Amino acid sequence: MTGTNRRLLDAGTVLGCPHGGRVTAATPTSGGVRVAGAAVATAAHSYVVTGCPHTVDRVPSPCVTVRWTADTTGITVDGAPVLLDTSAAQCFSAALVPQGPPVVQAAQRKVTVR
């Protein structure tokens, strides 16, 4: 069976909302597992969006949070599934309206799943 390359998300990964806002971890990614000094991101962390310029009918409707659904790779850190660049996610407005998936702008590490 051929492996599939996926990129492991960590504290150094640059993430954005689909409208150009910046996604950051609201809870520290300070788990015991680090890759090249950066903490591995997991589904247990909360993520917020800042600077989203999205509007609907000229009314501001910025993305404010991101919810991740971790892949079922079986890879966990402190009991929480790790996040990969292929993990499903959705950005939401303050009214919890889905606004599209976040954009992974840079991920440094590769994980081969077999």
C-alpha atoms as a PDB file:
ATOM      1  CA  MET A   1       0.000   0.000   0.000  1.00  0.00           C
ATOM      2  CA  THR A   2       1.334   3.422  -0.929  1.00  0.00           C
ATOM      3  CA  GLY A   3       1.486   6.098   1.759  1.00  0.00           C
ATOM      4  CA  THR A   4      -0.141   9.508   1.457  1.00  0.00           C
ATOM      5  CA  ASN A   5       1.878  12.586   2.420  1.00  0.00           C
ATOM      6  CA  ARG A   6       0.045  14.918   4.733  1.00  0.00           C
ATOM      7  CA  ARG A   7       1.390  17.921   6.552  1.00  0.00           C
ATOM      8  CA  LEU A   8       1.245  18.054  10.325  1.00  0.00           C
ATOM      9  CA  LEU A   9      -0.012  21.383  11.674  1.00  0.00           C
ATOM     10  CA  ASP A  10       1.951  22.965  14.483  1.00  0.00           C
ATOM     11  CA  ALA A  11       2.216  26.290  16.292  1.00  0.00           C
ATOM     12  CA  GLY A  12       4.289  27.645  13.388  1.00  0.00           C
ATOM     13  CA  THR A  13       1.739  26.866  10.676  1.00  0.00           C
ATOM     14  CA  VAL A  14       0.231  29.982   9.093  1.00  0.00           C
ATOM     15  CA  LEU A  15      -3.550  29.689   8.793  1.00  0.00           C
ATOM     16  CA  GLY A  16      -6.127  32.093   7.429  1.00  0.00           C
ATOM     17  CA  CYS A  17      -9.867  32.312   6.917  1.00  0.00           C
ATOM     18  CA  PRO A  18     -11.150  32.190   3.323  1.00  0.00           C
ATOM     19  CA  HIS A  19     -11.467  36.014   3.353  1.00  0.00           C
ATOM     20  CA  GLY A  20      -7.925  36.825   4.480  1.00  0.00           C
ATOM     21  CA  GLY A  21      -8.290  36.930   8.270  1.00  0.00           C
ATOM     22  CA  ARG A  22      -5.609  35.332  10.459  1.00  0.00           C
ATOM     23  CA  VAL A  23      -6.327  32.121  12.385  1.00  0.00           C
ATOM     24  CA  THR A  24      -4.498  31.599  15.684  1.00  0.00           C
ATOM     25  CA  ALA A  25      -4.805  29.185  18.567  1.00  0.00           C
ATOM     26  CA  ALA A  26      -6.888  30.681  21.387  1.00  0.00           C
ATOM     27  CA  THR A  27      -5.665  27.987  23.743  1.00  0.00           C
ATOM     28  CA  PRO A  28      -1.935  27.444  23.867  1.00  0.00           C
ATOM     29  CA  THR A  29      -0.528  24.587  21.802  1.00  0.00           C
ATOM     30  CA  SER A  30       1.835  23.769  24.635  1.00  0.00           C
ATOM     31  CA  GLY A  31       1.564  19.995  24.690  1.00  0.00           C
ATOM     32  CA  GLY A  32       4.582  17.866  25.353  1.00  0.00           C
ATOM     33  CA  VAL A  33       5.049  16.899  21.707  1.00  0.00           C
ATOM     34  CA  ARG A  34       7.035  19.299  19.549  1.00  0.00           C
ATOM     35  CA  VAL A  35       8.351  19.136  16.016  1.00  0.00           C
ATOM     36  CA  ALA A  36      11.484  21.229  15.439  1.00  0.00           C
ATOM     37  CA  GLY A  37      10.573  23.218  18.565  1.00  0.00           C
ATOM     38  CA  ALA A  38       6.951  23.975  17.594  1.00  0.00           C
ATOM     39  CA  ALA A  39       4.056  22.446  19.548  1.00  0.00           C
ATOM     40  CA  VAL A  40       1.876  20.059  17.543  1.00  0.00           C
ATOM     41  CA  ALA A  41      -1.673  21.340  16.904  1.00  0.00           C
ATOM     42  CA  THR A  42      -4.554  19.128  18.026  1.00  0.00           C
ATOM     43  CA  ALA A  43      -8.341  19.096  17.834  1.00  0.00           C
ATOM     44  CA  ALA A  44      -8.392  19.918  21.564  1.00  0.00           C
ATOM     45  CA  HIS A  45      -7.194  23.477  20.917  1.00  0.00           C
ATOM     46  CA  SER A  46      -9.586  26.359  20.211  1.00  0.00           C
ATOM     47  CA  TYR A  47      -8.900  28.622  17.231  1.00  0.00           C
ATOM     48  CA  VAL A  48      -9.946  32.255  16.671  1.00  0.00           C
ATOM     49  CA  VAL A  49      -9.950  34.476  13.594  1.00  0.00           C
ATOM     50  CA  THR A  50      -8.882  38.127  13.617  1.00  0.00           C
ATOM     51  CA  GLY A  51      -8.954  40.688  10.844  1.00  0.00           C
ATOM     52  CA  CYS A  52     -11.589  39.009   8.659  1.00  0.00           C
ATOM     53  CA  PRO A  53     -13.092  41.620   6.289  1.00  0.00           C
ATOM     54  CA  HIS A  54     -16.083  39.479   5.195  1.00  0.00           C
ATOM     55  CA  THR A  55     -19.398  41.262   4.676  1.00  0.00           C
ATOM     56  CA  VAL A  56     -22.867  40.117   3.626  1.00  0.00           C
ATOM     57  CA  ASP A  57     -24.954  42.798   1.861  1.00  0.00           C
ATOM     58  CA  ARG A  58     -22.449  45.408   3.138  1.00  0.00           C
ATOM     59  CA  VAL A  59     -22.984  44.290   6.749  1.00  0.00           C
ATOM     60  CA  PRO A  60     -19.832  43.034   8.498  1.00  0.00           C
ATOM     61  CA  SER A  61     -19.969  39.279   9.082  1.00  0.00           C
ATOM     62  CA  PRO A  62     -16.397  38.356   9.916  1.00  0.00           C
ATOM     63  CA  CYS A  63     -15.145  34.877  10.668  1.00  0.00           C
ATOM     64  CA  VAL A  64     -14.398  34.641  14.400  1.00  0.00           C
ATOM     65  CA  THR A  65     -13.792  30.953  15.145  1.00  0.00           C
ATOM     66  CA  VAL A  66     -12.646  27.756  13.469  1.00  0.00           C
ATOM     67  CA  ARG A  67     -13.902  24.273  14.285  1.00  0.00           C
ATOM     68  CA  TRP A  68     -11.733  21.346  13.219  1.00  0.00           C
ATOM     69  CA  THR A  69     -12.693  17.743  12.600  1.00  0.00           C
ATOM     70  CA  ALA A  70      -9.515  15.753  12.966  1.00  0.00           C
ATOM     71  CA  ASP A  71      -8.605  12.986  10.534  1.00  0.00           C
ATOM     72  CA  THR A  72      -9.027   9.444  11.780  1.00  0.00           C
ATOM     73  CA  THR A  73      -5.332   8.600  11.512  1.00  0.00           C
ATOM     74  CA  GLY A  74      -5.118   7.289  15.055  1.00  0.00           C
ATOM     75  CA  ILE A  75      -2.284   9.748  15.790  1.00  0.00           C
ATOM     76  CA  THR A  76      -2.901  11.602  19.048  1.00  0.00           C
ATOM     77  CA  VAL A  77      -1.072  13.978  21.363  1.00  0.00           C
ATOM     78  CA  ASP A  78      -2.170  13.973  24.999  1.00  0.00           C
ATOM     79  CA  GLY A  79      -5.236  11.958  23.901  1.00  0.00           C
ATOM     80  CA  ALA A  80      -6.390  14.469  21.250  1.00  0.00           C
ATOM     81  CA  PRO A  81      -6.180  13.812  17.496  1.00  0.00           C
ATOM     82  CA  VAL A  82      -3.455  15.784  15.710  1.00  0.00           C
ATOM     83  CA  LEU A  83      -4.432  18.238  12.985  1.00  0.00           C
ATOM     84  CA  LEU A  84      -3.182  17.732   9.450  1.00  0.00           C
ATOM     85  CA  ASP A  85      -3.480  19.982   6.409  1.00  0.00           C
ATOM     86  CA  THR A  86      -6.175  17.555   5.204  1.00  0.00           C
ATOM     87  CA  SER A  87      -8.251  17.799   8.420  1.00  0.00           C
ATOM     88  CA  ALA A  88     -11.765  19.095   7.779  1.00  0.00           C
ATOM     89  CA  ALA A  89     -12.490  22.509   9.263  1.00  0.00           C
ATOM     90  CA  GLN A  90     -14.984  25.332   9.008  1.00  0.00           C
ATOM     91  CA  CYS A  91     -14.774  29.044   9.853  1.00  0.00           C
ATOM     92  CA  PHE A  92     -17.824  30.534  11.597  1.00  0.00           C
ATOM     93  CA  SER A  93     -19.216  34.011  12.202  1.00  0.00           C
ATOM     94  CA  ALA A  94     -20.219  35.166  15.687  1.00  0.00           C
ATOM     95  CA  ALA A  95     -23.758  33.980  14.820  1.00  0.00           C
ATOM     96  CA  LEU A  96     -22.278  30.515  14.070  1.00  0.00           C
ATOM     97  CA  VAL A  97     -22.919  30.837  10.334  1.00  0.00           C
ATOM     98  CA  PRO A  98     -20.482  28.628   8.351  1.00  0.00           C
ATOM     99  CA  GLN A  99     -18.271  30.815   6.144  1.00  0.00           C
ATOM    100  CA  GLY A 100     -15.904  28.376   4.475  1.00  0.00           C
ATOM    101  CA  PRO A 101     -12.832  26.324   5.290  1.00  0.00           C
ATOM    102  CA  PRO A 102      -9.621  27.865   6.591  1.00  0.00           C
ATOM    103  CA  VAL A 103      -6.612  28.120   4.308  1.00  0.00           C
ATOM    104  CA  VAL A 104      -3.380  26.381   5.297  1.00  0.00           C
ATOM    105  CA  GLN A 105      -0.761  28.796   4.001  1.00  0.00           C
ATOM    106  CA  ALA A 106       2.315  26.999   5.233  1.00  0.00           C
ATOM    107  CA  ALA A 107       2.886  23.669   6.928  1.00  0.00           C
ATOM    108  CA  GLN A 108       6.405  22.509   7.561  1.00  0.00           C
ATOM    109  CA  ARG A 109       6.230  18.844   8.567  1.00  0.00           C
ATOM    110  CA  LYS A 110       5.202  15.760   6.596  1.00  0.00           C
ATOM    111  CA  VAL A 111       3.571  12.662   8.037  1.00  0.00           C
ATOM    112  CA  THR A 112       3.303   9.533   5.927  1.00  0.00           C
ATOM    113  CA  VAL A 113       0.171   7.504   6.634  1.00  0.00           C
ATOM    114  CA  ARG A 114       0.183   3.907   5.455  1.00  0.00           C
END
